[in-house]
């Protein structure tokens, strides 16, 4: 509970989480897909939570929406670019080549750290996150699968993202 009369201007999870359902509905109307809207909302949350700028956010809701809309625009541009690219471009794209051995080792180390962070979570929290990110299930499908409410699934996923982000920063510094 806030004791100050000044509104919270930080991107704290509680403030940002408050707008989750509203943001997903807003994005669903624009993208025509709830699944795509949830993906963009998750990415927007990550961007806001991973923000390193120490300056406080004056209007967290507007900042979250602007971040989400920027992600929608980026997604649309990538889609248009991929449609216009000839298949030969994919052969030249570095992402399709195997990484250098040192880069491969760094990826393995990061993956091990991520697994360690996930192991620290409660089973429902970890399962919600993995079912969403690895299996691509919707929040409702996860809720049905785990026998919990949809809103609890949403909270678990946001909490898992926050926890993993914090732990990865701690271990990598």
N, C-alpha and C. Protein backbone atom coordinates (compact mmCIF):
# COMPACT_ATOMS: atom_id res chain seq x y z
N UNK A 1 0.85 -1.18 0.00
CA UNK A 1 0.00 0.00 0.00
C UNK A 1 0.89 1.24 0.00
N UNK A 2 0.53 2.20 -0.79
CA UNK A 2 1.31 3.43 -0.89
C UNK A 2 0.90 4.40 0.20
N UNK A 3 1.92 4.96 0.84
CA UNK A 3 1.60 5.94 1.87
C UNK A 3 1.74 7.35 1.33
N UNK A 4 2.45 7.49 0.25
CA UNK A 4 2.67 8.80 -0.35
C UNK A 4 1.47 9.19 -1.19
N UNK A 5 1.25 10.50 -1.29
CA UNK A 5 0.16 10.97 -2.16
C UNK A 5 0.61 11.02 -3.61
N UNK A 6 1.93 10.88 -3.83
CA UNK A 6 2.48 10.89 -5.19
C UNK A 6 2.20 9.54 -5.86
N UNK A 7 1.72 9.52 -7.09
CA UNK A 7 1.46 8.26 -7.76
C UNK A 7 2.76 7.52 -8.03
N UNK A 8 2.68 6.19 -8.05
CA UNK A 8 3.84 5.36 -8.35
C UNK A 8 4.21 5.54 -9.82
N UNK A 9 5.44 5.94 -10.09
CA UNK A 9 5.85 6.19 -11.45
C UNK A 9 6.92 5.22 -11.91
N UNK A 10 7.17 4.20 -11.13
CA UNK A 10 8.15 3.20 -11.52
C UNK A 10 7.45 2.10 -12.28
N UNK A 11 8.20 1.33 -13.07
CA UNK A 11 7.57 0.25 -13.82
C UNK A 11 7.44 -1.00 -12.96
N UNK A 12 7.04 -0.87 -11.70
CA UNK A 12 6.95 -2.03 -10.83
C UNK A 12 5.95 -3.02 -11.39
N UNK A 13 6.20 -4.28 -11.05
CA UNK A 13 5.34 -5.34 -11.55
C UNK A 13 3.89 -5.14 -11.20
N UNK A 14 3.62 -4.66 -9.98
CA UNK A 14 2.23 -4.48 -9.55
C UNK A 14 1.52 -3.43 -10.39
N UNK A 15 2.19 -2.34 -10.68
CA UNK A 15 1.57 -1.27 -11.47
C UNK A 15 1.35 -1.75 -12.90
N UNK A 16 2.37 -2.34 -13.48
CA UNK A 16 2.30 -2.79 -14.86
C UNK A 16 1.32 -3.95 -14.99
N UNK A 17 1.36 -4.88 -14.03
CA UNK A 17 0.49 -6.05 -14.08
C UNK A 17 -0.99 -5.66 -14.05
N UNK A 18 -1.27 -4.54 -13.40
CA UNK A 18 -2.64 -4.05 -13.29
C UNK A 18 -3.29 -3.87 -14.67
N UNK A 19 -2.50 -3.57 -15.69
CA UNK A 19 -3.03 -3.26 -17.02
C UNK A 19 -3.00 -4.45 -17.97
N UNK A 20 -2.61 -5.62 -17.50
CA UNK A 20 -2.39 -6.75 -18.40
C UNK A 20 -3.62 -7.10 -19.24
N UNK A 21 -4.73 -7.38 -18.59
CA UNK A 21 -5.94 -7.80 -19.33
C UNK A 21 -6.41 -6.72 -20.28
N UNK A 22 -6.37 -5.50 -19.80
CA UNK A 22 -6.78 -4.36 -20.63
C UNK A 22 -5.89 -4.27 -21.87
N UNK A 23 -4.59 -4.44 -21.69
CA UNK A 23 -3.65 -4.37 -22.80
C UNK A 23 -3.89 -5.52 -23.79
N UNK A 24 -4.12 -6.72 -23.29
CA UNK A 24 -4.38 -7.86 -24.18
C UNK A 24 -5.66 -7.62 -24.99
N UNK A 25 -6.69 -7.09 -24.37
CA UNK A 25 -7.93 -6.80 -25.11
C UNK A 25 -7.68 -5.75 -26.19
N UNK A 26 -6.96 -4.70 -25.84
CA UNK A 26 -6.61 -3.65 -26.78
C UNK A 26 -5.83 -4.22 -27.97
N UNK A 27 -4.83 -5.05 -27.68
CA UNK A 27 -4.01 -5.63 -28.75
C UNK A 27 -4.79 -6.65 -29.58
N UNK A 28 -5.67 -7.40 -28.93
CA UNK A 28 -6.48 -8.39 -29.66
C UNK A 28 -7.32 -7.72 -30.74
N UNK A 29 -7.87 -6.58 -30.41
CA UNK A 29 -8.69 -5.85 -31.38
C UNK A 29 -7.86 -5.39 -32.57
N UNK A 30 -6.61 -5.05 -32.33
CA UNK A 30 -5.74 -4.57 -33.42
C UNK A 30 -5.10 -5.70 -34.21
N UNK A 31 -4.80 -6.80 -33.54
CA UNK A 31 -4.10 -7.91 -34.21
C UNK A 31 -5.04 -8.99 -34.72
N UNK A 32 -6.25 -9.02 -34.20
CA UNK A 32 -7.21 -10.03 -34.64
C UNK A 32 -6.95 -11.41 -34.07
N UNK A 33 -6.07 -11.50 -33.08
CA UNK A 33 -5.74 -12.79 -32.48
C UNK A 33 -5.37 -12.59 -31.02
N UNK A 34 -6.06 -13.30 -30.16
CA UNK A 34 -5.74 -13.19 -28.73
C UNK A 34 -4.36 -13.76 -28.46
N UNK A 35 -4.00 -14.84 -29.11
CA UNK A 35 -2.68 -15.47 -28.92
C UNK A 35 -1.57 -14.47 -29.29
N UNK A 36 -1.70 -13.81 -30.43
CA UNK A 36 -0.71 -12.82 -30.85
C UNK A 36 -0.69 -11.66 -29.86
N UNK A 37 -1.85 -11.26 -29.38
CA UNK A 37 -1.93 -10.16 -28.42
C UNK A 37 -1.22 -10.52 -27.12
N UNK A 38 -1.41 -11.75 -26.66
CA UNK A 38 -0.73 -12.19 -25.43
C UNK A 38 0.78 -12.21 -25.64
N UNK A 39 1.23 -12.65 -26.82
CA UNK A 39 2.66 -12.66 -27.11
C UNK A 39 3.24 -11.25 -27.06
N UNK A 40 2.56 -10.31 -27.70
CA UNK A 40 3.04 -8.93 -27.72
C UNK A 40 3.00 -8.34 -26.31
N UNK A 41 1.93 -8.63 -25.56
CA UNK A 41 1.83 -8.12 -24.19
C UNK A 41 2.98 -8.65 -23.33
N UNK A 42 3.30 -9.94 -23.46
CA UNK A 42 4.43 -10.50 -22.71
C UNK A 42 5.72 -9.81 -23.09
N UNK A 43 5.93 -9.62 -24.38
CA UNK A 43 7.15 -8.95 -24.84
C UNK A 43 7.22 -7.52 -24.32
N UNK A 44 6.07 -6.84 -24.30
CA UNK A 44 6.03 -5.47 -23.79
C UNK A 44 6.38 -5.45 -22.30
N UNK A 45 5.81 -6.38 -21.55
CA UNK A 45 6.13 -6.48 -20.13
C UNK A 45 7.62 -6.70 -19.92
N UNK A 46 8.21 -7.59 -20.70
CA UNK A 46 9.64 -7.85 -20.57
C UNK A 46 10.45 -6.58 -20.85
N UNK A 47 10.08 -5.88 -21.89
CA UNK A 47 10.80 -4.63 -22.23
C UNK A 47 10.71 -3.63 -21.08
N UNK A 48 9.53 -3.48 -20.52
CA UNK A 48 9.36 -2.51 -19.43
C UNK A 48 10.11 -2.98 -18.19
N UNK A 49 10.03 -4.26 -17.87
CA UNK A 49 10.69 -4.78 -16.68
C UNK A 49 12.21 -4.81 -16.82
N UNK A 50 12.70 -4.97 -18.04
CA UNK A 50 14.15 -5.02 -18.26
C UNK A 50 14.75 -3.64 -18.48
N UNK A 51 13.94 -2.64 -18.43
CA UNK A 51 14.38 -1.27 -18.64
C UNK A 51 15.47 -0.92 -17.63
N UNK A 52 16.59 -0.40 -18.12
CA UNK A 52 17.71 -0.06 -17.23
C UNK A 52 17.80 1.43 -16.94
N UNK A 53 17.02 2.23 -17.61
CA UNK A 53 17.03 3.67 -17.39
C UNK A 53 16.53 3.95 -15.96
N UNK A 54 17.36 4.63 -15.15
CA UNK A 54 16.95 4.86 -13.76
C UNK A 54 15.84 5.90 -13.61
N UNK A 55 15.57 6.65 -14.66
CA UNK A 55 14.54 7.68 -14.59
C UNK A 55 13.17 7.04 -14.42
N UNK A 56 12.37 7.61 -13.54
CA UNK A 56 11.04 7.08 -13.29
C UNK A 56 10.13 7.29 -14.49
N UNK A 57 9.19 6.39 -14.65
CA UNK A 57 8.20 6.50 -15.72
C UNK A 57 7.05 7.34 -15.19
N UNK A 58 6.78 8.43 -15.88
CA UNK A 58 5.75 9.37 -15.45
C UNK A 58 4.35 8.74 -15.52
N UNK A 59 4.07 8.03 -16.62
CA UNK A 59 2.75 7.44 -16.84
C UNK A 59 2.94 5.97 -17.25
N UNK A 60 2.96 5.04 -16.28
CA UNK A 60 3.26 3.63 -16.58
C UNK A 60 2.32 3.00 -17.61
N UNK A 61 1.02 3.33 -17.53
CA UNK A 61 0.06 2.75 -18.47
C UNK A 61 0.38 3.19 -19.90
N UNK A 62 0.59 4.48 -20.09
CA UNK A 62 0.90 5.01 -21.42
C UNK A 62 2.23 4.44 -21.93
N UNK A 63 3.19 4.31 -21.05
CA UNK A 63 4.50 3.76 -21.43
C UNK A 63 4.35 2.31 -21.88
N UNK A 64 3.58 1.53 -21.14
CA UNK A 64 3.35 0.13 -21.49
C UNK A 64 2.63 0.01 -22.83
N UNK A 65 1.61 0.82 -23.04
CA UNK A 65 0.88 0.79 -24.31
C UNK A 65 1.77 1.21 -25.47
N UNK A 66 2.57 2.25 -25.29
CA UNK A 66 3.47 2.71 -26.36
C UNK A 66 4.49 1.61 -26.68
N UNK A 67 5.01 0.95 -25.67
CA UNK A 67 5.94 -0.15 -25.87
C UNK A 67 5.28 -1.27 -26.68
N UNK A 68 4.06 -1.62 -26.30
CA UNK A 68 3.33 -2.68 -27.00
C UNK A 68 3.05 -2.29 -28.45
N UNK A 69 2.62 -1.05 -28.67
CA UNK A 69 2.35 -0.61 -30.05
C UNK A 69 3.63 -0.60 -30.89
N UNK A 70 4.74 -0.21 -30.30
CA UNK A 70 6.02 -0.27 -31.02
C UNK A 70 6.36 -1.70 -31.41
N UNK A 71 6.08 -2.63 -30.53
CA UNK A 71 6.33 -4.04 -30.84
C UNK A 71 5.42 -4.53 -31.96
N UNK A 72 4.16 -4.08 -31.96
CA UNK A 72 3.24 -4.44 -33.05
C UNK A 72 3.76 -3.90 -34.38
N UNK A 73 4.23 -2.66 -34.37
CA UNK A 73 4.77 -2.06 -35.60
C UNK A 73 6.01 -2.83 -36.07
N UNK A 74 6.91 -3.15 -35.15
CA UNK A 74 8.11 -3.93 -35.49
C UNK A 74 7.73 -5.30 -36.07
N UNK A 75 6.76 -5.91 -35.44
CA UNK A 75 6.29 -7.24 -35.90
C UNK A 75 5.74 -7.15 -37.32
N UNK A 76 4.96 -6.11 -37.58
CA UNK A 76 4.37 -5.91 -38.90
C UNK A 76 5.46 -5.66 -39.95
N UNK A 77 6.44 -4.83 -39.59
CA UNK A 77 7.54 -4.56 -40.52
C UNK A 77 8.33 -5.82 -40.84
N UNK A 78 8.62 -6.61 -39.81
CA UNK A 78 9.35 -7.87 -40.04
C UNK A 78 8.57 -8.80 -40.96
N UNK A 79 7.26 -8.85 -40.74
CA UNK A 79 6.40 -9.70 -41.57
C UNK A 79 6.44 -9.24 -43.03
N UNK A 80 6.34 -7.93 -43.24
CA UNK A 80 6.39 -7.40 -44.60
C UNK A 80 7.75 -7.66 -45.25
N UNK A 81 8.80 -7.49 -44.47
CA UNK A 81 10.15 -7.72 -44.98
C UNK A 81 10.34 -9.18 -45.37
N UNK A 82 9.89 -10.08 -44.53
CA UNK A 82 10.02 -11.52 -44.83
C UNK A 82 9.24 -11.91 -46.07
N UNK A 83 8.10 -11.28 -46.29
CA UNK A 83 7.31 -11.59 -47.48
C UNK A 83 8.03 -11.11 -48.74
N UNK A 84 8.78 -10.02 -48.63
CA UNK A 84 9.43 -9.43 -49.80
C UNK A 84 10.80 -10.02 -50.07
N UNK A 85 11.40 -10.72 -49.11
CA UNK A 85 12.75 -11.26 -49.28
C UNK A 85 12.74 -12.51 -50.15
N UNK A 86 13.65 -12.60 -51.09
CA UNK A 86 13.78 -13.85 -51.83
C UNK A 86 14.40 -14.92 -50.92
N UNK A 87 14.14 -16.17 -51.19
CA UNK A 87 14.65 -17.25 -50.36
C UNK A 87 16.17 -17.28 -50.30
N UNK A 88 16.85 -16.79 -51.32
CA UNK A 88 18.32 -16.80 -51.32
C UNK A 88 18.89 -15.97 -50.17
N UNK A 89 18.15 -14.96 -49.73
CA UNK A 89 18.62 -14.11 -48.65
C UNK A 89 18.82 -14.93 -47.37
N UNK A 90 17.98 -15.94 -47.18
CA UNK A 90 18.09 -16.76 -45.98
C UNK A 90 19.45 -17.47 -45.92
N UNK A 91 20.01 -17.83 -47.07
CA UNK A 91 21.32 -18.47 -47.09
C UNK A 91 22.40 -17.54 -46.58
N UNK A 92 22.23 -16.25 -46.79
CA UNK A 92 23.23 -15.27 -46.39
C UNK A 92 23.02 -14.78 -44.96
N UNK A 93 21.88 -15.04 -44.42
CA UNK A 93 21.53 -14.56 -43.09
C UNK A 93 22.35 -15.30 -42.04
N UNK A 94 23.08 -14.57 -41.21
CA UNK A 94 23.95 -15.16 -40.20
C UNK A 94 23.20 -16.05 -39.23
N UNK A 95 21.96 -15.75 -38.96
CA UNK A 95 21.21 -16.53 -37.97
C UNK A 95 21.04 -17.98 -38.39
N UNK A 96 21.21 -18.29 -39.67
CA UNK A 96 21.04 -19.66 -40.14
C UNK A 96 22.34 -20.44 -40.11
N UNK A 97 23.44 -19.80 -39.77
CA UNK A 97 24.72 -20.49 -39.66
C UNK A 97 24.94 -20.91 -38.21
N UNK A 98 25.71 -21.96 -38.02
CA UNK A 98 25.95 -22.41 -36.65
C UNK A 98 26.86 -21.40 -35.95
N UNK A 99 26.64 -21.21 -34.66
CA UNK A 99 27.44 -20.24 -33.92
C UNK A 99 28.88 -20.73 -33.73
N UNK A 100 29.77 -19.77 -33.48
CA UNK A 100 31.16 -20.10 -33.18
C UNK A 100 31.20 -20.90 -31.89
N UNK A 101 32.22 -21.74 -31.68
CA UNK A 101 32.28 -22.56 -30.46
C UNK A 101 32.18 -21.76 -29.17
N UNK A 102 32.83 -20.59 -29.09
CA UNK A 102 32.74 -19.80 -27.85
C UNK A 102 31.33 -19.26 -27.66
N UNK A 103 30.69 -18.88 -28.76
CA UNK A 103 29.32 -18.40 -28.66
C UNK A 103 28.40 -19.54 -28.24
N UNK A 104 28.65 -20.73 -28.76
CA UNK A 104 27.86 -21.91 -28.40
C UNK A 104 28.00 -22.19 -26.90
N UNK A 105 29.23 -22.05 -26.38
CA UNK A 105 29.47 -22.28 -24.97
C UNK A 105 28.72 -21.23 -24.13
N UNK A 106 28.75 -19.98 -24.57
CA UNK A 106 28.04 -18.93 -23.84
C UNK A 106 26.53 -19.21 -23.83
N UNK A 107 26.01 -19.69 -24.95
CA UNK A 107 24.59 -20.02 -25.01
C UNK A 107 24.27 -21.17 -24.06
N UNK A 108 25.15 -22.17 -24.02
CA UNK A 108 24.95 -23.29 -23.10
C UNK A 108 24.98 -22.83 -21.65
N UNK A 109 25.89 -21.92 -21.32
CA UNK A 109 25.98 -21.39 -19.96
C UNK A 109 24.73 -20.59 -19.60
N UNK A 110 24.26 -19.76 -20.53
CA UNK A 110 23.05 -18.99 -20.28
C UNK A 110 21.84 -19.91 -20.12
N UNK A 111 21.78 -20.95 -20.92
CA UNK A 111 20.68 -21.91 -20.82
C UNK A 111 20.71 -22.61 -19.46
N UNK A 112 21.91 -22.97 -19.00
CA UNK A 112 22.04 -23.62 -17.69
C UNK A 112 21.59 -22.67 -16.57
N UNK A 113 21.95 -21.39 -16.69
CA UNK A 113 21.53 -20.40 -15.70
C UNK A 113 20.02 -20.21 -15.72
N UNK A 114 19.45 -20.18 -16.92
CA UNK A 114 18.00 -20.04 -17.05
C UNK A 114 17.30 -21.24 -16.41
N UNK A 115 17.83 -22.43 -16.64
CA UNK A 115 17.24 -23.63 -16.03
C UNK A 115 17.32 -23.54 -14.51
N UNK A 116 18.45 -23.05 -14.00
CA UNK A 116 18.62 -22.88 -12.55
C UNK A 116 17.58 -21.90 -12.00
N UNK A 117 17.37 -20.79 -12.71
CA UNK A 117 16.37 -19.80 -12.28
C UNK A 117 14.97 -20.40 -12.31
N UNK A 118 14.66 -21.16 -13.35
CA UNK A 118 13.35 -21.79 -13.45
C UNK A 118 13.14 -22.82 -12.33
N UNK A 119 14.21 -23.52 -11.96
CA UNK A 119 14.12 -24.51 -10.88
C UNK A 119 13.80 -23.89 -9.53
N UNK A 120 14.06 -22.59 -9.38
CA UNK A 120 13.77 -21.90 -8.13
C UNK A 120 12.29 -21.53 -8.00
N UNK A 121 11.56 -21.61 -9.08
CA UNK A 121 10.14 -21.25 -9.07
C UNK A 121 9.29 -22.39 -8.54
N UNK A 122 8.09 -22.04 -8.08
CA UNK A 122 7.13 -23.08 -7.69
C UNK A 122 6.73 -23.84 -8.96
N UNK A 123 6.28 -25.07 -8.77
CA UNK A 123 5.91 -25.90 -9.93
C UNK A 123 4.83 -25.24 -10.78
N UNK A 124 3.74 -24.72 -10.20
CA UNK A 124 2.71 -24.09 -11.05
C UNK A 124 3.23 -22.88 -11.82
N UNK A 125 4.10 -22.10 -11.18
CA UNK A 125 4.66 -20.92 -11.82
C UNK A 125 5.55 -21.34 -12.99
N UNK A 126 6.44 -22.28 -12.74
CA UNK A 126 7.35 -22.78 -13.78
C UNK A 126 6.56 -23.44 -14.92
N UNK A 127 5.59 -24.27 -14.56
CA UNK A 127 4.80 -24.96 -15.58
C UNK A 127 4.01 -23.97 -16.45
N UNK A 128 3.44 -22.95 -15.83
CA UNK A 128 2.69 -21.94 -16.59
C UNK A 128 3.61 -21.26 -17.60
N UNK A 129 4.78 -20.87 -17.15
CA UNK A 129 5.76 -20.19 -18.01
C UNK A 129 6.19 -21.10 -19.16
N UNK A 130 6.54 -22.34 -18.85
CA UNK A 130 7.04 -23.26 -19.88
C UNK A 130 5.94 -23.65 -20.88
N UNK A 131 4.74 -23.87 -20.38
CA UNK A 131 3.64 -24.22 -21.28
C UNK A 131 3.34 -23.07 -22.25
N UNK A 132 3.53 -21.86 -21.78
CA UNK A 132 3.31 -20.69 -22.65
C UNK A 132 4.45 -20.51 -23.64
N UNK A 133 5.68 -20.46 -23.11
CA UNK A 133 6.83 -20.11 -23.94
C UNK A 133 7.32 -21.26 -24.81
N UNK A 134 7.25 -22.48 -24.33
CA UNK A 134 7.76 -23.61 -25.12
C UNK A 134 6.67 -24.31 -25.93
N UNK A 135 5.50 -24.46 -25.33
CA UNK A 135 4.43 -25.18 -26.01
C UNK A 135 3.46 -24.25 -26.72
N UNK A 136 3.52 -22.96 -26.42
CA UNK A 136 2.67 -21.98 -27.10
C UNK A 136 1.20 -22.06 -26.73
N UNK A 137 0.90 -22.64 -25.57
CA UNK A 137 -0.49 -22.73 -25.16
C UNK A 137 -1.02 -21.36 -24.76
N UNK A 138 -2.31 -21.16 -24.95
CA UNK A 138 -2.94 -19.90 -24.52
C UNK A 138 -3.09 -19.94 -23.00
N UNK A 139 -3.38 -18.79 -22.43
CA UNK A 139 -3.57 -18.73 -20.98
C UNK A 139 -4.72 -19.63 -20.54
N UNK A 140 -5.80 -19.64 -21.33
CA UNK A 140 -6.94 -20.47 -20.97
C UNK A 140 -6.59 -21.95 -21.06
N UNK A 141 -5.84 -22.34 -22.07
CA UNK A 141 -5.42 -23.74 -22.20
C UNK A 141 -4.54 -24.14 -21.02
N UNK A 142 -3.64 -23.26 -20.60
CA UNK A 142 -2.78 -23.55 -19.45
C UNK A 142 -3.62 -23.67 -18.19
N UNK A 143 -4.56 -22.75 -18.01
CA UNK A 143 -5.44 -22.79 -16.84
C UNK A 143 -6.20 -24.11 -16.79
N UNK A 144 -6.75 -24.52 -17.92
CA UNK A 144 -7.48 -25.79 -17.98
C UNK A 144 -6.55 -26.96 -17.68
N UNK A 145 -5.36 -26.94 -18.26
CA UNK A 145 -4.38 -28.03 -18.09
C UNK A 145 -3.93 -28.15 -16.63
N UNK A 146 -3.69 -27.01 -15.97
CA UNK A 146 -3.18 -27.02 -14.60
C UNK A 146 -4.28 -26.98 -13.54
N UNK A 147 -5.52 -26.73 -13.98
CA UNK A 147 -6.63 -26.67 -13.03
C UNK A 147 -6.59 -25.44 -12.14
N UNK A 148 -6.14 -24.33 -12.70
CA UNK A 148 -6.08 -23.06 -11.95
C UNK A 148 -6.78 -21.99 -12.78
N UNK A 149 -6.98 -20.83 -12.19
CA UNK A 149 -7.67 -19.76 -12.91
C UNK A 149 -6.77 -19.12 -13.95
N UNK A 150 -7.40 -18.53 -14.93
CA UNK A 150 -6.66 -17.83 -15.99
C UNK A 150 -5.84 -16.68 -15.42
N UNK A 151 -6.41 -15.93 -14.47
CA UNK A 151 -5.69 -14.80 -13.91
C UNK A 151 -4.47 -15.28 -13.13
N UNK A 152 -4.56 -16.43 -12.49
CA UNK A 152 -3.40 -16.97 -11.78
C UNK A 152 -2.32 -17.39 -12.77
N UNK A 153 -2.72 -17.92 -13.91
CA UNK A 153 -1.75 -18.26 -14.97
C UNK A 153 -1.02 -16.99 -15.41
N UNK A 154 -1.76 -15.92 -15.64
CA UNK A 154 -1.16 -14.66 -16.06
C UNK A 154 -0.16 -14.16 -15.02
N UNK A 155 -0.54 -14.23 -13.75
CA UNK A 155 0.36 -13.79 -12.67
C UNK A 155 1.60 -14.67 -12.61
N UNK A 156 1.42 -15.98 -12.76
CA UNK A 156 2.56 -16.90 -12.75
C UNK A 156 3.55 -16.57 -13.86
N UNK A 157 3.05 -16.31 -15.05
CA UNK A 157 3.92 -16.03 -16.19
C UNK A 157 4.69 -14.73 -15.98
N UNK A 158 4.02 -13.71 -15.54
CA UNK A 158 4.69 -12.42 -15.28
C UNK A 158 5.72 -12.60 -14.16
N UNK A 159 5.35 -13.30 -13.10
CA UNK A 159 6.29 -13.52 -11.99
C UNK A 159 7.50 -14.34 -12.43
N UNK A 160 7.29 -15.33 -13.27
CA UNK A 160 8.40 -16.14 -13.78
C UNK A 160 9.34 -15.29 -14.62
N UNK A 161 8.78 -14.43 -15.47
CA UNK A 161 9.62 -13.56 -16.30
C UNK A 161 10.44 -12.62 -15.42
N UNK A 162 9.80 -12.04 -14.41
CA UNK A 162 10.52 -11.12 -13.51
C UNK A 162 11.62 -11.86 -12.76
N UNK A 163 11.31 -13.02 -12.23
CA UNK A 163 12.28 -13.79 -11.47
C UNK A 163 13.48 -14.17 -12.32
N UNK A 164 13.22 -14.69 -13.51
CA UNK A 164 14.32 -15.10 -14.39
C UNK A 164 15.18 -13.91 -14.79
N UNK A 165 14.57 -12.79 -15.07
CA UNK A 165 15.31 -11.60 -15.44
C UNK A 165 16.23 -11.16 -14.31
N UNK A 166 15.70 -11.12 -13.09
CA UNK A 166 16.49 -10.69 -11.94
C UNK A 166 17.65 -11.66 -11.70
N UNK A 167 17.37 -12.95 -11.72
CA UNK A 167 18.42 -13.95 -11.44
C UNK A 167 19.48 -13.95 -12.53
N UNK A 168 19.10 -13.82 -13.78
CA UNK A 168 20.09 -13.80 -14.86
C UNK A 168 21.00 -12.59 -14.73
N UNK A 169 20.42 -11.45 -14.37
CA UNK A 169 21.25 -10.25 -14.16
C UNK A 169 22.22 -10.46 -13.01
N UNK A 170 21.75 -11.07 -11.93
CA UNK A 170 22.62 -11.31 -10.78
C UNK A 170 23.79 -12.22 -11.16
N UNK A 171 23.50 -13.29 -11.86
CA UNK A 171 24.52 -14.28 -12.17
C UNK A 171 25.47 -13.81 -13.26
N UNK A 172 25.00 -12.96 -14.15
CA UNK A 172 25.85 -12.52 -15.26
C UNK A 172 26.72 -11.33 -14.90
N UNK A 173 26.42 -10.67 -13.77
CA UNK A 173 27.24 -9.51 -13.41
C UNK A 173 28.41 -9.89 -12.53
